[in-house]
Amino acid sequence: MARKYSKKAAAKVGRAMKKRKAGTLRSGRSGRKVKSRTQAIAIGLVADEEFADQCAMRGLSVETALASPLEIIGAWPMGGVTGSA
């Protein structure tokens, strides 16, 4: 089975998850402590420029790209969101 994300992206997500577990991961703008697992994954993926560039190319935010599986159609990140929700 093919990888969904690069090894570099997986490493950055792993670091973000460790920081979240330790309670030291903070969101960018507000500086609040991150408690959500999906928010930690989004922070790790945004840290990876390749994933962020893919989102920008398709006009999506990372939150949209990580939307719930019920809203997903296609074959791009987490099943592939095609644009408007």
C-alpha atoms as a PDB file:
ATOM      1  CA  MET A   1       0.000   0.000   0.000  1.00  0.00           C
ATOM      2  CA  ALA A   2       1.295   3.450  -0.893  1.00  0.00           C
ATOM      3  CA  ARG A   3       2.138   6.079   1.704  1.00  0.00           C
ATOM      4  CA  LYS A   4      -0.354   8.918   2.167  1.00  0.00           C
ATOM      5  CA  TYR A   5       2.370  11.346   3.214  1.00  0.00           C
ATOM      6  CA  SER A   6       6.127  11.520   2.810  1.00  0.00           C
ATOM      7  CA  LYS A   7       8.487  10.155   5.471  1.00  0.00           C
ATOM      8  CA  LYS A   8       9.502  13.737   6.295  1.00  0.00           C
ATOM      9  CA  ALA A   9       5.858  14.716   6.842  1.00  0.00           C
ATOM     10  CA  ALA A  10       5.308  11.655   9.037  1.00  0.00           C
ATOM     11  CA  ALA A  11       8.305  12.650  11.176  1.00  0.00           C
ATOM     12  CA  LYS A  12       6.995  16.199  11.618  1.00  0.00           C
ATOM     13  CA  VAL A  13       3.539  14.921  12.572  1.00  0.00           C
ATOM     14  CA  GLY A  14       5.189  12.532  15.035  1.00  0.00           C
ATOM     15  CA  ARG A  15       7.070  15.404  16.680  1.00  0.00           C
ATOM     16  CA  ALA A  16       3.860  17.458  16.900  1.00  0.00           C
ATOM     17  CA  MET A  17       2.041  14.517  18.507  1.00  0.00           C
ATOM     18  CA  LYS A  18       4.822  14.092  21.102  1.00  0.00           C
ATOM     19  CA  LYS A  19       4.631  17.802  21.957  1.00  0.00           C
ATOM     20  CA  ARG A  20       0.833  17.571  22.262  1.00  0.00           C
ATOM     21  CA  LYS A  21       1.135  14.569  24.571  1.00  0.00           C
ATOM     22  CA  ALA A  22       3.671  16.448  26.711  1.00  0.00           C
ATOM     23  CA  GLY A  23       1.369  19.485  26.791  1.00  0.00           C
ATOM     24  CA  THR A  24       3.842  21.851  25.133  1.00  0.00           C
ATOM     25  CA  LEU A  25       2.259  22.150  21.659  1.00  0.00           C
ATOM     26  CA  ARG A  26       0.684  25.567  21.152  1.00  0.00           C
ATOM     27  CA  SER A  27      -1.447  26.904  18.328  1.00  0.00           C
ATOM     28  CA  GLY A  28       0.155  29.597  16.196  1.00  0.00           C
ATOM     29  CA  ARG A  29      -1.940  32.717  16.506  1.00  0.00           C
ATOM     30  CA  SER A  30      -3.691  32.473  19.859  1.00  0.00           C
ATOM     31  CA  GLY A  31      -0.910  30.582  21.625  1.00  0.00           C
ATOM     32  CA  ARG A  32      -3.420  28.281  23.324  1.00  0.00           C
ATOM     33  CA  LYS A  33      -2.471  24.740  24.286  1.00  0.00           C
ATOM     34  CA  VAL A  34      -3.452  22.203  21.625  1.00  0.00           C
ATOM     35  CA  LYS A  35      -5.641  19.376  22.961  1.00  0.00           C
ATOM     36  CA  SER A  36      -7.135  18.030  19.733  1.00  0.00           C
ATOM     37  CA  ARG A  37      -5.387  15.145  17.970  1.00  0.00           C
ATOM     38  CA  THR A  38      -6.515  16.359  14.531  1.00  0.00           C
ATOM     39  CA  GLN A  39      -5.233  19.863  15.242  1.00  0.00           C
ATOM     40  CA  ALA A  40      -1.838  18.396  16.185  1.00  0.00           C
ATOM     41  CA  ILE A  41      -1.782  16.450  12.903  1.00  0.00           C
ATOM     42  CA  ALA A  42      -2.683  19.615  10.964  1.00  0.00           C
ATOM     43  CA  ILE A  43       0.129  21.535  12.688  1.00  0.00           C
ATOM     44  CA  GLY A  44       2.610  18.774  11.793  1.00  0.00           C
ATOM     45  CA  LEU A  45       1.482  18.692   8.165  1.00  0.00           C
ATOM     46  CA  VAL A  46       1.614  22.474   7.810  1.00  0.00           C
ATOM     47  CA  ALA A  47       5.184  22.315   9.090  1.00  0.00           C
ATOM     48  CA  ASP A  48       5.904  20.125   6.069  1.00  0.00           C
ATOM     49  CA  GLU A  49       6.155  22.522   3.114  1.00  0.00           C
ATOM     50  CA  GLU A  50       5.273  19.823   0.571  1.00  0.00           C
ATOM     51  CA  PHE A  51       1.825  19.194   2.067  1.00  0.00           C
ATOM     52  CA  ALA A  52       1.175  22.920   2.556  1.00  0.00           C
ATOM     53  CA  ASP A  53       2.082  23.539  -1.102  1.00  0.00           C
ATOM     54  CA  GLN A  54      -0.309  20.797  -2.238  1.00  0.00           C
ATOM     55  CA  CYS A  55      -3.115  22.402  -0.223  1.00  0.00           C
ATOM     56  CA  ALA A  56      -2.355  25.854  -1.630  1.00  0.00           C
ATOM     57  CA  MET A  57      -2.285  24.498  -5.188  1.00  0.00           C
ATOM     58  CA  ARG A  58      -5.815  23.159  -4.761  1.00  0.00           C
ATOM     59  CA  GLY A  59      -7.054  26.248  -2.925  1.00  0.00           C
ATOM     60  CA  LEU A  60      -7.717  24.351   0.305  1.00  0.00           C
ATOM     61  CA  SER A  61      -6.928  24.952   3.926  1.00  0.00           C
ATOM     62  CA  VAL A  62      -5.318  22.097   5.838  1.00  0.00           C
ATOM     63  CA  GLU A  63      -8.479  21.815   7.961  1.00  0.00           C
ATOM     64  CA  THR A  64     -10.512  21.232   4.781  1.00  0.00           C
ATOM     65  CA  ALA A  65      -7.984  18.661   3.567  1.00  0.00           C
ATOM     66  CA  LEU A  66      -8.382  16.816   6.881  1.00  0.00           C
ATOM     67  CA  ALA A  67     -12.213  16.954   6.816  1.00  0.00           C
ATOM     68  CA  SER A  68     -14.303  14.078   8.110  1.00  0.00           C
ATOM     69  CA  PRO A  69     -14.402  10.969   5.882  1.00  0.00           C
ATOM     70  CA  LEU A  70     -18.142  11.410   5.323  1.00  0.00           C
ATOM     71  CA  GLU A  71     -17.527  14.620   3.336  1.00  0.00           C
ATOM     72  CA  ILE A  72     -14.661  13.258   1.274  1.00  0.00           C
ATOM     73  CA  ILE A  73     -14.763  12.270  -2.386  1.00  0.00           C
ATOM     74  CA  GLY A  74     -11.735  11.556  -4.570  1.00  0.00           C
ATOM     75  CA  ALA A  75      -8.195  10.384  -3.912  1.00  0.00           C
ATOM     76  CA  TRP A  76      -6.154  13.260  -2.482  1.00  0.00           C
ATOM     77  CA  PRO A  77      -5.130  13.688   1.254  1.00  0.00           C
ATOM     78  CA  MET A  78      -7.352  11.671   3.540  1.00  0.00           C
ATOM     79  CA  GLY A  79      -9.463  10.685   0.539  1.00  0.00           C
ATOM     80  CA  GLY A  80      -9.320  13.973  -1.337  1.00  0.00           C
ATOM     81  CA  VAL A  81     -11.487  17.002  -0.855  1.00  0.00           C
ATOM     82  CA  THR A  82     -12.457  18.570  -4.154  1.00  0.00           C
ATOM     83  CA  GLY A  83     -13.005  22.196  -3.157  1.00  0.00           C
ATOM     84  CA  SER A  84     -16.107  23.718  -1.623  1.00  0.00           C
ATOM     85  CA  ALA A  85     -17.677  21.934   1.324  1.00  0.00           C
END
